[in-house]
Amino acid sequence: MGKWKTAVIIIGLMLLISSPVFAEEGTTGAADGSMSKGLIGLGAGLAIGLAAFGGGLGQGRAAGSSLEGIARNPGASDKMFVPYILGLAFIESLVLYAFVIAFLLRTKM
């Protein structure tokens, strides 16, 4: 339960620190679209950050499960290798897809 409390505290601090992103100076900010540019940048950052986080978790779990399977049955390592590499390639392709989306969002600014 201690890990969850630490994670909640860290996320809360990040939200408090990042709140000045939404502060605007004067009333001319809405007319030139600076708020939408900031939200597009925030969306691009969140897209690639969450994709990298999820991809890292997915690849870690896939590697752990594959190594556990090989440790339990070393004779099946040849049969497990190709699906393992394919799974890692699919996970990585999703992360690259999110990177392309984040890049396209950044060019809209």
Protein backbone atom coordinates (compact mmCIF):
# COMPACT_ATOMS: atom_id res chain seq x y z
CA MET A 1 0.00 0.00 0.00
CA GLY A 2 3.01 2.29 0.49
CA LYS A 3 3.79 2.30 -3.23
CA TRP A 4 0.28 3.57 -4.04
CA LYS A 5 0.57 6.40 -1.54
CA THR A 6 3.91 7.41 -3.03
CA ALA A 7 2.51 7.29 -6.55
CA VAL A 8 -0.51 9.40 -5.58
CA ILE A 9 1.73 11.96 -3.89
CA ILE A 10 4.03 12.16 -6.92
CA ILE A 11 1.12 12.54 -9.35
CA GLY A 12 -0.45 15.19 -7.11
CA LEU A 13 2.80 17.16 -6.99
CA MET A 14 3.16 16.92 -10.76
CA LEU A 15 -0.35 18.28 -11.21
CA LEU A 16 0.34 21.15 -8.82
CA ILE A 17 3.61 22.02 -10.51
CA SER A 18 2.13 21.89 -14.03
CA SER A 19 -0.85 24.15 -13.27
CA PRO A 20 0.93 27.36 -14.45
CA VAL A 21 0.75 25.92 -17.98
CA PHE A 22 -2.89 26.97 -18.11
CA ALA A 23 -2.26 30.53 -16.88
CA GLU A 24 -2.74 33.24 -19.51
CA GLU A 25 -1.55 36.79 -19.53
CA GLY A 26 -4.20 39.38 -20.24
CA THR A 27 -7.21 38.83 -22.46
CA THR A 28 -5.39 38.69 -25.80
CA GLY A 29 -4.34 35.04 -25.31
CA ALA A 30 -7.65 33.63 -26.49
CA ALA A 31 -7.68 35.73 -29.66
CA ASP A 32 -4.37 34.45 -31.05
CA GLY A 33 -5.03 30.80 -30.13
CA SER A 34 -2.23 30.43 -27.59
CA MET A 35 -4.45 28.36 -25.31
CA SER A 36 -5.18 25.87 -28.08
CA LYS A 37 -1.47 25.69 -28.91
CA GLY A 38 -0.71 24.90 -25.30
CA LEU A 39 -3.36 22.19 -25.19
CA ILE A 40 -2.07 20.68 -28.43
CA GLY A 41 1.42 20.60 -26.95
CA LEU A 42 0.08 19.05 -23.77
CA GLY A 43 -1.79 16.43 -25.79
CA ALA A 44 1.32 15.60 -27.81
CA GLY A 45 3.39 15.23 -24.67
CA LEU A 46 0.80 13.05 -23.00
CA ALA A 47 0.44 10.90 -26.12
CA ILE A 48 4.10 10.02 -26.37
CA GLY A 49 4.59 9.80 -22.60
CA LEU A 50 1.73 7.39 -22.05
CA ALA A 51 2.68 5.36 -25.11
CA ALA A 52 6.28 5.01 -23.93
CA PHE A 53 5.10 4.08 -20.43
CA GLY A 54 2.62 1.50 -21.70
CA GLY A 55 5.09 0.12 -24.24
CA GLY A 56 7.74 -0.26 -21.57
CA LEU A 57 5.34 -2.07 -19.29
CA GLY A 58 4.16 -4.32 -22.11
CA GLN A 59 7.67 -5.21 -23.22
CA GLY A 60 8.75 -5.88 -19.65
CA ARG A 61 5.83 -8.19 -19.03
CA ALA A 62 6.36 -9.97 -22.34
CA ALA A 63 10.04 -10.51 -21.64
CA GLY A 64 9.35 -11.68 -18.10
CA SER A 65 6.68 -14.13 -19.21
CA SER A 66 8.83 -15.44 -22.03
CA LEU A 67 11.83 -15.99 -19.77
CA GLU A 68 9.63 -17.67 -17.17
CA GLY A 69 8.24 -20.00 -19.84
CA ILE A 70 11.72 -20.85 -21.09
CA ALA A 71 12.90 -21.47 -17.53
CA ARG A 72 10.02 -23.90 -16.95
CA ASN A 73 10.47 -25.70 -20.27
CA PRO A 74 13.87 -25.07 -21.89
CA GLY A 75 13.02 -27.35 -24.79
CA ALA A 76 10.27 -25.02 -25.97
CA SER A 77 12.51 -21.98 -26.34
CA ASP A 78 12.70 -22.43 -30.13
CA LYS A 79 8.91 -22.43 -30.43
CA MET A 80 8.53 -19.41 -28.13
CA PHE A 81 11.13 -17.19 -29.80
CA VAL A 82 9.21 -16.15 -32.93
CA PRO A 83 5.94 -15.23 -31.12
CA TYR A 84 7.99 -13.36 -28.52
CA ILE A 85 9.78 -11.26 -31.15
CA LEU A 86 6.51 -10.65 -33.01
CA GLY A 87 4.85 -9.49 -29.79
CA LEU A 88 7.70 -7.07 -29.08
CA ALA A 89 7.51 -5.74 -32.63
CA PHE A 90 3.76 -5.13 -32.32
CA ILE A 91 4.20 -3.36 -28.99
CA GLU A 92 6.95 -1.18 -30.44
CA SER A 93 4.87 -0.38 -33.51
CA LEU A 94 2.11 1.01 -31.29
CA VAL A 95 4.63 3.25 -29.52
CA LEU A 96 5.95 4.47 -32.87
CA TYR A 97 2.38 5.12 -34.02
CA ALA A 98 1.81 7.28 -30.93
CA PHE A 99 5.08 9.10 -31.70
CA VAL A 100 3.84 9.89 -35.22
CA ILE A 101 0.55 11.19 -33.81
CA ALA A 102 2.39 13.35 -31.28
CA PHE A 103 4.64 14.69 -34.05
CA LEU A 104 1.63 15.53 -36.23
CA LEU A 105 -0.02 17.28 -33.27
CA ARG A 106 3.13 19.34 -32.71
CA THR A 107 3.21 20.45 -36.35
CA LYS A 108 -0.34 21.83 -36.00
CA MET A 109 0.96 24.47 -33.63
